[in-house]
Protein backbone atom coordinates (compact mmCIF):
# COMPACT_ATOMS: atom_id res chain seq x y z
CA UNK A 1 90.63 -77.09 68.30
CA UNK A 2 90.61 -73.52 68.26
CA UNK A 3 93.15 -70.97 67.83
CA UNK A 4 96.34 -70.03 69.15
CA UNK A 5 99.92 -68.35 68.07
CA UNK A 6 103.12 -67.23 68.86
CA UNK A 7 105.12 -64.40 67.76
CA UNK A 8 108.74 -65.14 67.65
CA UNK A 9 111.31 -62.23 68.08
CA UNK A 10 115.02 -63.14 66.72
CA UNK A 11 117.59 -61.74 69.09
CA UNK A 12 115.24 -60.00 71.86
CA UNK A 13 115.76 -60.98 75.05
CA UNK A 14 112.91 -61.98 77.70
CA UNK A 15 113.91 -58.34 79.53
CA UNK A 16 113.46 -56.11 76.39
CA UNK A 17 110.34 -58.15 75.14
CA UNK A 18 107.97 -57.42 78.43
CA UNK A 19 109.92 -53.75 78.78
CA UNK A 20 107.91 -53.51 75.42
CA UNK A 21 104.75 -55.26 75.49
CA UNK A 22 103.59 -54.06 79.06
CA UNK A 23 103.55 -50.77 78.52
CA UNK A 24 102.17 -51.24 75.20
CA UNK A 25 99.37 -53.27 76.18
CA UNK A 26 98.54 -50.91 79.21
CA UNK A 27 98.05 -47.63 76.65
CA UNK A 28 94.29 -49.63 75.79
CA UNK A 29 91.37 -48.01 77.57
CA UNK A 30 89.62 -50.15 80.17
CA UNK A 31 86.47 -51.91 78.73
CA UNK A 32 87.38 -52.58 75.30
CA UNK A 33 86.83 -56.12 76.05
CA UNK A 34 85.08 -58.31 78.69
CA UNK A 35 88.32 -60.62 79.15
CA UNK A 36 91.87 -60.30 80.09
CA UNK A 37 94.89 -59.97 77.95
CA UNK A 38 96.87 -62.83 78.71
CA UNK A 39 100.68 -63.50 77.23
CA UNK A 40 102.70 -65.77 77.80
CA UNK A 41 106.47 -64.86 77.55
CA UNK A 42 108.79 -67.69 76.50
CA UNK A 43 112.48 -67.82 76.02
CA UNK A 44 114.22 -69.38 73.20
CA UNK A 45 117.14 -70.09 71.24
CA UNK A 46 118.28 -66.36 70.25
CA UNK A 47 114.59 -65.31 70.40
CA UNK A 48 111.63 -65.11 72.38
CA UNK A 49 108.00 -65.98 71.77
CA UNK A 50 104.62 -63.97 72.72
CA UNK A 51 101.94 -66.78 73.16
CA UNK A 52 98.85 -66.18 73.46
CA UNK A 53 95.50 -68.26 72.80
CA UNK A 54 91.89 -68.47 72.59
CA UNK A 55 91.16 -65.85 69.79
CA UNK A 56 92.96 -64.02 67.27
CA UNK A 57 92.25 -60.52 69.38
CA UNK A 58 95.92 -61.59 71.12
CA UNK A 59 97.34 -61.52 67.83
CA UNK A 60 95.87 -59.01 66.31
CA UNK A 61 96.87 -56.34 69.23
CA UNK A 62 100.33 -57.35 69.48
CA UNK A 63 101.43 -56.89 66.04
CA UNK A 64 102.70 -53.78 66.73
CA UNK A 65 105.41 -55.27 69.29
CA UNK A 66 107.33 -56.72 66.19
CA UNK A 67 107.33 -53.29 64.18
CA UNK A 68 108.81 -51.41 67.01
CA UNK A 69 111.45 -53.29 67.97
CA UNK A 70 112.58 -53.43 64.32
CA UNK A 71 113.39 -57.41 64.31
CA UNK A 72 113.27 -60.09 62.44
CA UNK A 73 109.45 -61.55 63.92
CA UNK A 74 107.23 -64.19 63.08
CA UNK A 75 103.75 -65.12 63.65
CA UNK A 76 103.46 -69.09 63.90
CA UNK A 77 99.48 -69.57 64.48
CA UNK A 78 97.29 -72.85 64.65
CA UNK A 79 94.42 -73.00 62.75
CA UNK A 80 90.94 -74.92 64.04
CA UNK A 81 93.13 -78.62 63.78
CA UNK A 82 93.13 -78.04 59.89
CA UNK A 83 96.71 -76.26 59.82
CA UNK A 84 99.34 -74.00 61.14
CA UNK A 85 101.12 -71.24 59.08
CA UNK A 86 104.23 -68.87 59.37
CA UNK A 87 103.67 -64.80 58.55
CA UNK A 88 107.66 -63.83 58.73
CA UNK A 89 108.59 -60.05 59.07
CA UNK A 90 111.42 -58.29 59.02
CA UNK A 91 110.27 -55.07 61.15
CA UNK A 92 107.40 -53.74 59.66
CA UNK A 93 108.14 -55.18 56.23
CA UNK A 94 106.42 -58.62 55.59
CA UNK A 95 108.12 -61.25 53.68
CA UNK A 96 105.93 -64.22 53.04
CA UNK A 97 103.35 -65.97 54.76
CA UNK A 98 103.38 -69.91 54.27
CA UNK A 99 100.54 -72.53 55.36
CA UNK A 100 101.25 -75.97 55.43
CA UNK A 101 98.18 -77.03 53.91
CA UNK A 102 96.53 -75.10 51.83
CA UNK A 103 93.78 -77.59 51.18
CA UNK A 104 92.00 -76.38 54.49
CA UNK A 105 91.25 -73.33 53.20
CA UNK A 106 90.31 -74.14 49.27
CA UNK A 107 89.17 -77.32 48.23
CA UNK A 108 91.42 -77.26 45.44
CA UNK A 109 94.09 -74.70 45.75
CA UNK A 110 96.61 -73.17 43.01
CA UNK A 111 99.92 -74.62 44.13
CA UNK A 112 103.53 -73.06 42.33
CA UNK A 113 105.94 -75.34 43.91
CA UNK A 114 108.46 -72.60 43.08
CA UNK A 115 106.65 -70.50 45.39
CA UNK A 116 106.54 -72.90 48.35
CA UNK A 117 110.32 -73.15 47.84
CA UNK A 118 111.11 -69.52 47.66
CA UNK A 119 108.74 -69.16 51.16
CA UNK A 120 110.52 -72.19 52.74
CA UNK A 121 114.26 -70.78 51.54
CA UNK A 122 113.10 -67.31 52.61
CA UNK A 123 112.11 -68.21 56.31
CA UNK A 124 115.21 -70.57 56.65
CA UNK A 125 117.48 -67.57 55.41
CA UNK A 126 116.10 -65.47 58.06
CA UNK A 127 116.19 -67.65 60.71
CA UNK A 128 119.70 -69.52 60.11
CA UNK A 129 120.30 -71.12 63.59
CA UNK A 130 116.86 -73.03 63.04
CA UNK A 131 117.23 -73.48 59.33
CA UNK A 132 118.71 -76.97 59.34
CA UNK A 133 116.02 -78.12 62.12
CA UNK A 134 112.79 -76.25 60.81
CA UNK A 135 113.23 -76.74 56.63
CA UNK A 136 110.90 -79.96 56.65
CA UNK A 137 108.32 -78.85 58.51
CA UNK A 138 107.38 -76.08 56.25
CA UNK A 139 107.00 -78.68 54.02
CA UNK A 140 103.57 -79.01 52.08
CA UNK A 141 101.15 -81.76 53.87
CA UNK A 142 100.59 -82.92 50.07
CA UNK A 143 103.23 -84.14 47.83
CA UNK A 144 102.83 -83.21 43.75
CA UNK A 145 102.92 -86.19 41.16
CA UNK A 146 102.20 -85.98 37.78
CA UNK A 147 100.19 -89.26 36.05
CA UNK A 148 98.85 -88.94 32.69
CA UNK A 149 99.69 -85.13 32.71
CA UNK A 150 97.75 -84.69 35.22
CA UNK A 151 98.92 -83.19 38.71
CA UNK A 152 97.55 -84.97 42.07
CA UNK A 153 98.32 -84.08 45.25
CA UNK A 154 98.76 -87.46 47.69
CA UNK A 155 98.95 -86.83 51.45
CA UNK A 156 102.73 -86.73 52.73
CA UNK A 157 103.35 -89.32 55.40
CA UNK A 158 105.69 -89.78 58.29
CA UNK A 159 107.33 -87.22 60.28
CA UNK A 160 109.46 -84.20 59.54
CA UNK A 161 111.97 -85.60 62.02
CA UNK A 162 112.58 -88.80 63.91
CA UNK A 163 112.60 -86.93 66.78
CA UNK A 164 109.02 -85.34 66.38
CA UNK A 165 106.04 -86.18 68.25
CA UNK A 166 103.77 -85.32 65.19
CA UNK A 167 103.69 -86.57 61.90
CA UNK A 168 102.39 -84.38 58.43
CA UNK A 169 99.05 -84.01 58.21
CA UNK A 170 98.76 -83.16 62.27
CA UNK A 171 98.12 -79.60 63.48
CA UNK A 172 99.91 -80.38 66.64
CA UNK A 173 103.26 -80.52 64.35
CA UNK A 174 103.43 -76.90 65.42
CA UNK A 175 104.92 -77.99 68.40
CA UNK A 176 107.29 -79.76 66.94
CA UNK A 177 107.80 -76.40 64.84
CA UNK A 178 108.34 -74.49 68.09
CA UNK A 179 110.71 -77.38 69.62
CA UNK A 180 113.48 -76.16 67.13
CA UNK A 181 113.37 -72.66 68.28
CA UNK A 182 113.44 -73.83 72.20
CA UNK A 183 109.86 -72.93 72.62
CA UNK A 184 107.92 -75.22 74.51
CA UNK A 185 106.69 -75.93 78.37
CA UNK A 186 110.07 -75.97 79.82
CA UNK A 187 111.12 -72.36 77.72
CA UNK A 188 108.17 -70.62 80.19
CA UNK A 189 109.15 -68.04 81.61
CA UNK A 190 106.50 -65.50 82.86
CA UNK A 191 102.94 -64.34 82.53
CA UNK A 192 101.42 -60.87 81.39
CA UNK A 193 98.21 -60.46 82.22
CA UNK A 194 96.32 -57.00 81.46
CA UNK A 195 92.52 -56.03 82.13
CA UNK A 196 91.14 -54.54 79.40
């Protein structure tokens, strides 16, 4: 369980990302935190990822990196074993937020399938190289069915793609999603540690 996340930065080299992250983190005063900030740098397919864990603090601190680079970027966050979500940006502009399991936050969420499709299409539109490989990962973990005029939400079964290790309903599906971007253990390039 717990929390961890990645900032995926489109068309940014590992060198450019590190060149931006290190001086940015060093501007914080010593003593703001009782621990180090550890950021893992991954090289993917036409993108890099900044991986962080343990607490949401790193994710919040790193948000200005995407704004400063002005690129298409997204936060991909693992949410305490219950779900994972994507927050999509173009520079400073927030484009959409998509959670594959809104039932983790609300027992009876209002789900508009047109909005869900819009969000999936928007993410795929801004990441066209990965679009065919990520679309099914973004499907909701429950499927709607109408019975006697009432919409019921049944658990979606199976995996997004046959090669995946994790199926719908498993928050570790986030790793299969990231693999579509070439982000995994084998793509790890560097570790940035800053004492705060």
